[in-house]
N, C-alpha and C. Protein backbone atom coordinates (compact mmCIF):
# COMPACT_ATOMS: atom_id res chain seq x y z
N MET A 1 76.67 103.54 102.75
CA MET A 1 77.18 102.23 102.40
C MET A 1 78.70 102.17 102.59
N LEU A 2 79.40 103.24 102.24
CA LEU A 2 80.86 103.23 102.34
C LEU A 2 81.35 103.38 103.78
N ILE A 3 80.52 103.88 104.66
CA ILE A 3 80.92 104.04 106.05
C ILE A 3 80.34 102.92 106.91
N VAL A 4 79.03 102.81 106.90
CA VAL A 4 78.35 101.86 107.78
C VAL A 4 78.62 100.42 107.36
N GLY A 5 78.62 100.15 106.06
CA GLY A 5 78.82 98.78 105.57
C GLY A 5 80.10 98.13 106.09
N PRO A 6 81.26 98.69 105.81
CA PRO A 6 82.51 98.07 106.28
C PRO A 6 82.60 98.00 107.80
N LEU A 7 82.12 99.03 108.49
CA LEU A 7 82.21 99.02 109.95
C LEU A 7 81.29 97.99 110.58
N SER A 8 80.18 97.69 109.94
CA SER A 8 79.23 96.75 110.53
C SER A 8 79.73 95.31 110.45
N TYR A 9 80.62 95.01 109.52
CA TYR A 9 81.11 93.63 109.39
C TYR A 9 81.95 93.19 110.58
N GLY A 10 82.76 94.07 111.09
CA GLY A 10 83.67 93.66 112.15
C GLY A 10 83.48 94.37 113.47
N HIS A 11 82.36 95.07 113.64
CA HIS A 11 82.22 95.89 114.84
C HIS A 11 82.20 95.06 116.12
N ASN A 12 81.79 93.80 116.07
CA ASN A 12 81.79 92.98 117.28
C ASN A 12 83.20 92.61 117.73
N SER A 13 84.15 92.62 116.81
CA SER A 13 85.52 92.27 117.16
C SER A 13 86.37 93.50 117.47
N PHE A 14 85.83 94.70 117.26
CA PHE A 14 86.58 95.92 117.56
C PHE A 14 86.65 96.15 119.06
N PRO A 15 87.81 96.56 119.55
CA PRO A 15 87.84 97.05 120.93
C PRO A 15 87.18 98.43 120.92
N PRO A 16 86.81 98.95 122.07
CA PRO A 16 86.25 100.32 122.06
C PRO A 16 87.25 101.27 121.40
N CYS A 17 86.81 101.99 120.40
CA CYS A 17 87.69 102.94 119.71
C CYS A 17 86.86 104.06 119.11
N VAL A 18 87.56 105.05 118.58
CA VAL A 18 86.94 106.24 118.02
C VAL A 18 87.24 106.32 116.53
N VAL A 19 86.21 106.58 115.75
CA VAL A 19 86.36 106.84 114.32
C VAL A 19 86.26 108.35 114.15
N VAL A 20 87.28 108.96 113.57
CA VAL A 20 87.32 110.41 113.40
C VAL A 20 86.88 110.76 111.98
N VAL A 21 85.89 111.62 111.90
CA VAL A 21 85.44 112.19 110.63
C VAL A 21 85.80 113.67 110.72
N ASP A 22 86.89 114.05 110.08
CA ASP A 22 87.41 115.41 110.21
C ASP A 22 86.93 116.28 109.06
N ALA A 23 86.58 117.52 109.38
CA ALA A 23 86.21 118.54 108.40
C ALA A 23 85.00 118.14 107.57
N LEU A 24 83.96 117.70 108.23
CA LEU A 24 82.74 117.29 107.53
C LEU A 24 82.19 118.42 106.67
N ASP A 25 82.39 119.65 107.09
CA ASP A 25 81.90 120.80 106.35
C ASP A 25 82.60 121.00 105.00
N GLU A 26 83.70 120.30 104.77
CA GLU A 26 84.43 120.46 103.52
C GLU A 26 83.93 119.53 102.41
N CYS A 27 82.87 118.79 102.67
CA CYS A 27 82.25 118.02 101.59
C CYS A 27 81.77 119.00 100.52
N LYS A 28 81.71 118.57 99.30
CA LYS A 28 81.38 119.47 98.20
C LYS A 28 79.96 119.99 98.24
N ASP A 29 79.04 119.23 98.80
CA ASP A 29 77.66 119.72 98.86
C ASP A 29 77.00 119.28 100.15
N SER A 30 75.94 119.96 100.51
CA SER A 30 75.26 119.68 101.77
C SER A 30 74.53 118.33 101.74
N ALA A 31 74.18 117.84 100.56
CA ALA A 31 73.52 116.54 100.46
C ALA A 31 74.45 115.42 100.94
N THR A 32 75.73 115.56 100.66
CA THR A 32 76.70 114.55 101.09
C THR A 32 76.81 114.52 102.60
N THR A 33 76.93 115.69 103.21
CA THR A 33 77.03 115.73 104.67
C THR A 33 75.75 115.22 105.31
N SER A 34 74.62 115.56 104.74
CA SER A 34 73.35 115.07 105.27
C SER A 34 73.26 113.56 105.18
N THR A 35 73.75 112.98 104.10
CA THR A 35 73.73 111.52 103.92
C THR A 35 74.61 110.85 104.97
N ILE A 36 75.79 111.40 105.19
CA ILE A 36 76.71 110.83 106.18
C ILE A 36 76.08 110.88 107.57
N LEU A 37 75.56 112.03 107.95
CA LEU A 37 74.96 112.18 109.28
C LEU A 37 73.71 111.33 109.44
N ALA A 38 72.92 111.22 108.40
CA ALA A 38 71.72 110.38 108.47
C ALA A 38 72.09 108.91 108.66
N ALA A 39 73.10 108.45 107.94
CA ALA A 39 73.55 107.06 108.07
C ALA A 39 74.07 106.79 109.47
N LEU A 40 74.88 107.71 109.98
CA LEU A 40 75.41 107.52 111.32
C LEU A 40 74.32 107.56 112.37
N SER A 41 73.38 108.48 112.25
CA SER A 41 72.31 108.58 113.25
C SER A 41 71.44 107.33 113.24
N LYS A 42 71.26 106.75 112.08
CA LYS A 42 70.41 105.56 111.96
C LYS A 42 71.11 104.30 112.49
N HIS A 43 72.42 104.22 112.32
CA HIS A 43 73.14 102.98 112.61
C HIS A 43 74.10 103.08 113.80
N VAL A 44 74.22 104.22 114.43
CA VAL A 44 75.24 104.40 115.45
C VAL A 44 75.09 103.42 116.62
N THR A 45 73.88 103.11 117.03
CA THR A 45 73.71 102.18 118.14
C THR A 45 74.10 100.76 117.74
N ASN A 46 73.98 100.42 116.48
CA ASN A 46 74.36 99.09 116.01
C ASN A 46 75.88 98.93 115.84
N LEU A 47 76.60 100.02 115.89
CA LEU A 47 78.04 99.98 115.67
C LEU A 47 78.85 100.05 116.97
N ALA A 48 78.18 99.97 118.11
CA ALA A 48 78.90 99.97 119.38
C ALA A 48 79.84 98.78 119.40
N PRO A 49 81.02 98.91 119.95
CA PRO A 49 81.54 99.94 120.84
C PRO A 49 82.25 101.09 120.12
N LEU A 50 82.03 101.24 118.82
CA LEU A 50 82.65 102.37 118.12
C LEU A 50 81.98 103.67 118.53
N ARG A 51 82.80 104.70 118.61
CA ARG A 51 82.30 106.05 118.82
C ARG A 51 82.82 106.92 117.69
N PHE A 52 82.08 107.96 117.39
CA PHE A 52 82.45 108.83 116.28
C PHE A 52 82.74 110.22 116.80
N PHE A 53 83.86 110.77 116.33
CA PHE A 53 84.26 112.14 116.64
C PHE A 53 84.22 112.89 115.32
N ILE A 54 83.27 113.82 115.21
CA ILE A 54 83.06 114.54 113.95
C ILE A 54 83.43 116.00 114.16
N THR A 55 84.32 116.49 113.31
CA THR A 55 84.66 117.91 113.37
C THR A 55 84.08 118.64 112.17
N SER A 56 83.70 119.88 112.42
CA SER A 56 83.11 120.69 111.36
C SER A 56 83.03 122.14 111.80
N ARG A 57 83.00 123.02 110.84
CA ARG A 57 82.64 124.40 111.13
C ARG A 57 81.14 124.42 111.38
N LEU A 58 80.67 125.51 111.95
CA LEU A 58 79.25 125.64 112.26
C LEU A 58 78.46 125.97 111.00
N GLU A 59 78.22 124.96 110.20
CA GLU A 59 77.39 125.10 109.00
C GLU A 59 75.95 124.80 109.39
N HIS A 60 75.02 125.57 108.84
CA HIS A 60 73.61 125.46 109.22
C HIS A 60 73.06 124.05 109.05
N HIS A 61 73.29 123.43 107.90
CA HIS A 61 72.73 122.10 107.65
C HIS A 61 73.34 121.03 108.56
N ILE A 62 74.57 121.24 108.99
CA ILE A 62 75.21 120.27 109.88
C ILE A 62 74.70 120.44 111.31
N THR A 63 74.62 121.66 111.78
CA THR A 63 74.11 121.88 113.13
C THR A 63 72.65 121.46 113.24
N ASP A 64 71.87 121.67 112.19
CA ASP A 64 70.48 121.20 112.19
C ASP A 64 70.41 119.69 112.30
N ALA A 65 71.24 119.01 111.52
CA ALA A 65 71.24 117.55 111.55
C ALA A 65 71.67 117.02 112.92
N MET A 66 72.68 117.66 113.51
CA MET A 66 73.17 117.20 114.81
C MET A 66 72.19 117.47 115.94
N SER A 67 71.30 118.43 115.74
CA SER A 67 70.30 118.71 116.78
C SER A 67 68.97 118.00 116.51
N SER A 68 68.93 117.15 115.51
CA SER A 68 67.71 116.42 115.17
C SER A 68 67.42 115.35 116.22
N PRO A 69 66.19 114.88 116.27
CA PRO A 69 65.82 113.84 117.24
C PRO A 69 66.63 112.54 117.10
N GLN A 70 67.13 112.24 115.90
CA GLN A 70 67.91 111.03 115.71
C GLN A 70 69.20 111.02 116.54
N PHE A 71 69.74 112.21 116.80
CA PHE A 71 70.97 112.30 117.58
C PHE A 71 70.70 112.60 119.06
N HIS A 72 69.44 112.77 119.41
CA HIS A 72 69.10 113.08 120.81
C HIS A 72 69.62 111.97 121.72
N ASN A 73 70.34 112.35 122.76
CA ASN A 73 70.96 111.42 123.72
C ASN A 73 72.03 110.53 123.11
N ARG A 74 72.43 110.79 121.88
CA ARG A 74 73.49 110.01 121.24
C ARG A 74 74.69 110.86 120.87
N ALA A 75 74.53 112.17 120.96
CA ALA A 75 75.60 113.06 120.52
C ALA A 75 75.78 114.19 121.51
N GLN A 76 77.01 114.66 121.58
CA GLN A 76 77.33 115.85 122.36
C GLN A 76 77.99 116.84 121.42
N ASN A 77 77.57 118.07 121.50
CA ASN A 77 78.16 119.11 120.68
C ASN A 77 79.08 119.98 121.52
N PHE A 78 80.25 120.24 121.01
CA PHE A 78 81.20 121.15 121.64
C PHE A 78 81.59 122.20 120.63
N ASN A 79 81.34 123.43 120.96
CA ASN A 79 81.78 124.53 120.11
C ASN A 79 83.14 124.98 120.61
N LEU A 80 84.14 124.82 119.79
CA LEU A 80 85.52 125.09 120.18
C LEU A 80 85.69 126.51 120.71
N HIS A 81 85.00 127.47 120.11
CA HIS A 81 85.15 128.85 120.55
C HIS A 81 84.50 129.10 121.91
N GLU A 82 83.73 128.15 122.42
CA GLU A 82 83.11 128.28 123.74
C GLU A 82 83.88 127.53 124.83
N VAL A 83 84.89 126.76 124.44
CA VAL A 83 85.69 126.01 125.40
C VAL A 83 86.85 126.88 125.86
N GLU A 84 87.19 126.77 127.13
CA GLU A 84 88.27 127.58 127.67
C GLU A 84 89.58 127.28 126.95
N LEU A 85 90.37 128.32 126.72
CA LEU A 85 91.60 128.21 125.94
C LEU A 85 92.56 127.16 126.49
N PRO A 86 92.80 127.06 127.80
CA PRO A 86 93.71 126.01 128.28
C PRO A 86 93.24 124.59 127.94
N VAL A 87 91.95 124.37 127.91
CA VAL A 87 91.41 123.06 127.55
C VAL A 87 91.65 122.78 126.08
N VAL A 88 91.45 123.79 125.24
CA VAL A 88 91.67 123.64 123.80
C VAL A 88 93.13 123.33 123.52
N GLN A 89 94.04 124.04 124.19
CA GLN A 89 95.46 123.83 123.96
C GLN A 89 95.88 122.45 124.42
């Protein structure tokens, strides 16, 4: 409600832009991260032209959620430690 609700009111007037959710793994419990990812996976197509950039450590519950069918063809995963150093810099 706190993420999808406000964004859905004005998403038609937004120019294409990126919403950054940084350090998702730092939420206090895994239920919170699961709720955020579930809401985004359910509503992400309705929020176009917004795109979401989510950063997180490789936590099991987060990687599971990101590999779920809800994110299939809607998300790309990049593991920073697998990207070439010049690209990261």
